[in-house]
């Protein structure tokens, strides 16, 4: 069972989590701090979108919080044109070689999180 929590002290009461969660995990409340809908945690797919969009870093999902996420590096931002090019271009060209892939390369790929 997933555990979704909102830190009442950090919450900016902007309602972004209520508006953005595609699974309806959050609901508005009278005091302004959204609540977790009883039983809705079972439908959470732990995508982390609520954590990413919360400007107050008030949401944790299964002990994962904003502090556990890699910050966005503006230096690595791509333009709209670059994204369109990536999505429209041919990206799956395979040129197999008759040699094994270096173990450290495989480990690096597996450890991307």
C-alpha atoms as a PDB file:
ATOM      1  CA  UNK A   1       0.000   0.000   0.000  1.00  0.00           C
ATOM      2  CA  UNK A   2       1.319   3.421  -0.922  1.00  0.00           C
ATOM      3  CA  UNK A   3       1.686   6.130   1.678  1.00  0.00           C
ATOM      4  CA  UNK A   4       0.994   9.668   0.483  1.00  0.00           C
ATOM      5  CA  UNK A   5       1.444  12.517   2.940  1.00  0.00           C
ATOM      6  CA  UNK A   6       1.153  16.299   2.905  1.00  0.00           C
ATOM      7  CA  UNK A   7       3.244  18.339   5.320  1.00  0.00           C
ATOM      8  CA  UNK A   8       0.758  20.937   6.577  1.00  0.00           C
ATOM      9  CA  UNK A   9       3.585  23.316   7.549  1.00  0.00           C
ATOM     10  CA  UNK A  10       5.120  23.345   4.064  1.00  0.00           C
ATOM     11  CA  UNK A  11       1.882  23.375   2.040  1.00  0.00           C
ATOM     12  CA  UNK A  12       1.313  26.663   0.179  1.00  0.00           C
ATOM     13  CA  UNK A  13      -2.397  25.856  -0.227  1.00  0.00           C
ATOM     14  CA  UNK A  14      -2.284  26.456  -3.984  1.00  0.00           C
ATOM     15  CA  UNK A  15      -4.275  23.320  -4.879  1.00  0.00           C
ATOM     16  CA  UNK A  16      -1.866  22.195  -7.593  1.00  0.00           C
ATOM     17  CA  UNK A  17      -1.837  18.617  -6.310  1.00  0.00           C
ATOM     18  CA  UNK A  18      -5.647  18.508  -6.390  1.00  0.00           C
ATOM     19  CA  UNK A  19      -5.731  19.901  -9.930  1.00  0.00           C
ATOM     20  CA  UNK A  20      -2.851  17.877 -11.353  1.00  0.00           C
ATOM     21  CA  UNK A  21      -3.060  14.348  -9.924  1.00  0.00           C
ATOM     22  CA  UNK A  22      -4.588  12.215 -12.697  1.00  0.00           C
ATOM     23  CA  UNK A  23      -5.725   9.628 -10.151  1.00  0.00           C
ATOM     24  CA  UNK A  24      -7.607  11.956  -7.822  1.00  0.00           C
ATOM     25  CA  UNK A  25      -5.460  11.194  -4.790  1.00  0.00           C
ATOM     26  CA  UNK A  26      -5.921  14.691  -3.345  1.00  0.00           C
ATOM     27  CA  UNK A  27      -9.046  16.648  -2.442  1.00  0.00           C
ATOM     28  CA  UNK A  28      -9.551  20.249  -1.362  1.00  0.00           C
ATOM     29  CA  UNK A  29     -10.398  20.856   2.266  1.00  0.00           C
ATOM     30  CA  UNK A  30     -11.986  23.681   4.220  1.00  0.00           C
ATOM     31  CA  UNK A  31      -8.748  24.799   5.858  1.00  0.00           C
ATOM     32  CA  UNK A  32      -6.973  25.118   2.489  1.00  0.00           C
ATOM     33  CA  UNK A  33      -4.506  22.274   2.964  1.00  0.00           C
ATOM     34  CA  UNK A  34      -5.519  19.484   0.577  1.00  0.00           C
ATOM     35  CA  UNK A  35      -6.194  16.068   2.045  1.00  0.00           C
ATOM     36  CA  UNK A  36      -5.459  12.596   0.765  1.00  0.00           C
ATOM     37  CA  UNK A  37      -8.713  10.933  -0.296  1.00  0.00           C
ATOM     38  CA  UNK A  38      -9.313   7.911   1.962  1.00  0.00           C
ATOM     39  CA  UNK A  39      -8.503   4.731   0.041  1.00  0.00           C
ATOM     40  CA  UNK A  40      -7.191   6.632  -2.996  1.00  0.00           C
ATOM     41  CA  UNK A  41      -3.590   5.809  -2.133  1.00  0.00           C
ATOM     42  CA  UNK A  42      -4.227   2.325  -3.479  1.00  0.00           C
ATOM     43  CA  UNK A  43      -4.606   3.876  -6.939  1.00  0.00           C
ATOM     44  CA  UNK A  44      -1.378   5.854  -6.725  1.00  0.00           C
ATOM     45  CA  UNK A  45       1.173   4.672  -9.292  1.00  0.00           C
ATOM     46  CA  UNK A  46       4.016   6.568  -7.561  1.00  0.00           C
ATOM     47  CA  UNK A  47       4.737   8.621 -10.671  1.00  0.00           C
ATOM     48  CA  UNK A  48       6.019  11.477  -8.508  1.00  0.00           C
ATOM     49  CA  UNK A  49       4.165  14.164 -10.450  1.00  0.00           C
ATOM     50  CA  UNK A  50       2.654  15.573  -7.241  1.00  0.00           C
ATOM     51  CA  UNK A  51       6.125  15.842  -5.723  1.00  0.00           C
ATOM     52  CA  UNK A  52       7.463  17.556  -8.835  1.00  0.00           C
ATOM     53  CA  UNK A  53       4.724  20.182  -9.110  1.00  0.00           C
ATOM     54  CA  UNK A  54       4.433  21.081  -5.418  1.00  0.00           C
ATOM     55  CA  UNK A  55       6.240  24.425  -5.016  1.00  0.00           C
ATOM     56  CA  UNK A  56       6.312  24.048  -1.226  1.00  0.00           C
ATOM     57  CA  UNK A  57       7.906  20.570  -1.327  1.00  0.00           C
ATOM     58  CA  UNK A  58       5.097  19.450   0.988  1.00  0.00           C
ATOM     59  CA  UNK A  59       4.292  16.043  -0.516  1.00  0.00           C
ATOM     60  CA  UNK A  60       5.949  12.704   0.126  1.00  0.00           C
ATOM     61  CA  UNK A  61       5.077   9.401  -1.481  1.00  0.00           C
ATOM     62  CA  UNK A  62       6.440   6.271   0.187  1.00  0.00           C
ATOM     63  CA  UNK A  63       9.075   8.400   1.948  1.00  0.00           C
ATOM     64  CA  UNK A  64      10.226   9.977  -1.337  1.00  0.00           C
ATOM     65  CA  UNK A  65      10.197  13.761  -1.134  1.00  0.00           C
ATOM     66  CA  UNK A  66      11.341  16.683  -3.250  1.00  0.00           C
ATOM     67  CA  UNK A  67      14.714  16.517  -1.507  1.00  0.00           C
ATOM     68  CA  UNK A  68      15.212  13.019  -2.948  1.00  0.00           C
ATOM     69  CA  UNK A  69      14.718  14.202  -6.522  1.00  0.00           C
ATOM     70  CA  UNK A  70      17.472  15.513  -8.719  1.00  0.00           C
ATOM     71  CA  UNK A  71      16.977  19.248  -9.302  1.00  0.00           C
ATOM     72  CA  UNK A  72      16.373  20.473 -12.818  1.00  0.00           C
ATOM     73  CA  UNK A  73      19.558  21.869 -14.307  1.00  0.00           C
ATOM     74  CA  UNK A  74      18.618  24.871 -16.479  1.00  0.00           C
ATOM     75  CA  UNK A  75      21.926  24.492 -18.323  1.00  0.00           C
ATOM     76  CA  UNK A  76      20.631  21.186 -19.732  1.00  0.00           C
ATOM     77  CA  UNK A  77      17.237  22.518 -20.821  1.00  0.00           C
ATOM     78  CA  UNK A  78      16.279  21.730 -24.395  1.00  0.00           C
ATOM     79  CA  UNK A  79      14.233  23.881 -26.703  1.00  0.00           C
ATOM     80  CA  UNK A  80      10.841  22.974 -28.112  1.00  0.00           C
ATOM     81  CA  UNK A  81      12.474  22.555 -31.534  1.00  0.00           C
ATOM     82  CA  UNK A  82      14.997  20.077 -30.125  1.00  0.00           C
ATOM     83  CA  UNK A  83      12.254  17.988 -28.504  1.00  0.00           C
ATOM     84  CA  UNK A  84      10.211  17.973 -31.720  1.00  0.00           C
ATOM     85  CA  UNK A  85      13.299  16.906 -33.676  1.00  0.00           C
ATOM     86  CA  UNK A  86      13.997  14.089 -31.225  1.00  0.00           C
ATOM     87  CA  UNK A  87      10.437  12.790 -31.309  1.00  0.00           C
ATOM     88  CA  UNK A  88      10.053  13.015 -35.087  1.00  0.00           C
ATOM     89  CA  UNK A  89      13.464  11.771 -36.143  1.00  0.00           C
ATOM     90  CA  UNK A  90      14.559   8.239 -36.731  1.00  0.00           C
ATOM     91  CA  UNK A  91      16.160   7.172 -33.470  1.00  0.00           C
ATOM     92  CA  UNK A  92      16.421   3.427 -33.665  1.00  0.00           C
ATOM     93  CA  UNK A  93      19.370   2.640 -35.845  1.00  0.00           C
ATOM     94  CA  UNK A  94      21.141  -0.463 -34.675  1.00  0.00           C
ATOM     95  CA  UNK A  95      24.651  -1.215 -35.615  1.00  0.00           C
ATOM     96  CA  UNK A  96      25.517  -4.358 -33.683  1.00  0.00           C
ATOM     97  CA  UNK A  97      29.103  -5.240 -32.998  1.00  0.00           C
ATOM     98  CA  UNK A  98      30.477  -8.663 -32.292  1.00  0.00           C
ATOM     99  CA  UNK A  99      31.851  -7.756 -28.871  1.00  0.00           C
ATOM    100  CA  UNK A 100      30.371  -7.527 -25.376  1.00  0.00           C
ATOM    101  CA  UNK A 101      29.333  -4.223 -23.858  1.00  0.00           C
ATOM    102  CA  UNK A 102      31.659  -3.084 -21.095  1.00  0.00           C
ATOM    103  CA  UNK A 103      30.254  -3.995 -17.667  1.00  0.00           C
ATOM    104  CA  UNK A 104      30.739  -0.470 -16.278  1.00  0.00           C
ATOM    105  CA  UNK A 105      28.669   0.935 -19.184  1.00  0.00           C
ATOM    106  CA  UNK A 106      25.831  -1.482 -18.399  1.00  0.00           C
ATOM    107  CA  UNK A 107      26.003  -0.645 -14.679  1.00  0.00           C
ATOM    108  CA  UNK A 108      25.902   3.087 -15.434  1.00  0.00           C
ATOM    109  CA  UNK A 109      22.768   2.598 -17.555  1.00  0.00           C
ATOM    110  CA  UNK A 110      21.088   0.446 -14.927  1.00  0.00           C
ATOM    111  CA  UNK A 111      21.813   2.963 -12.186  1.00  0.00           C
ATOM    112  CA  UNK A 112      20.133   5.911 -13.916  1.00  0.00           C
ATOM    113  CA  UNK A 113      17.318   7.003 -11.672  1.00  0.00           C
END
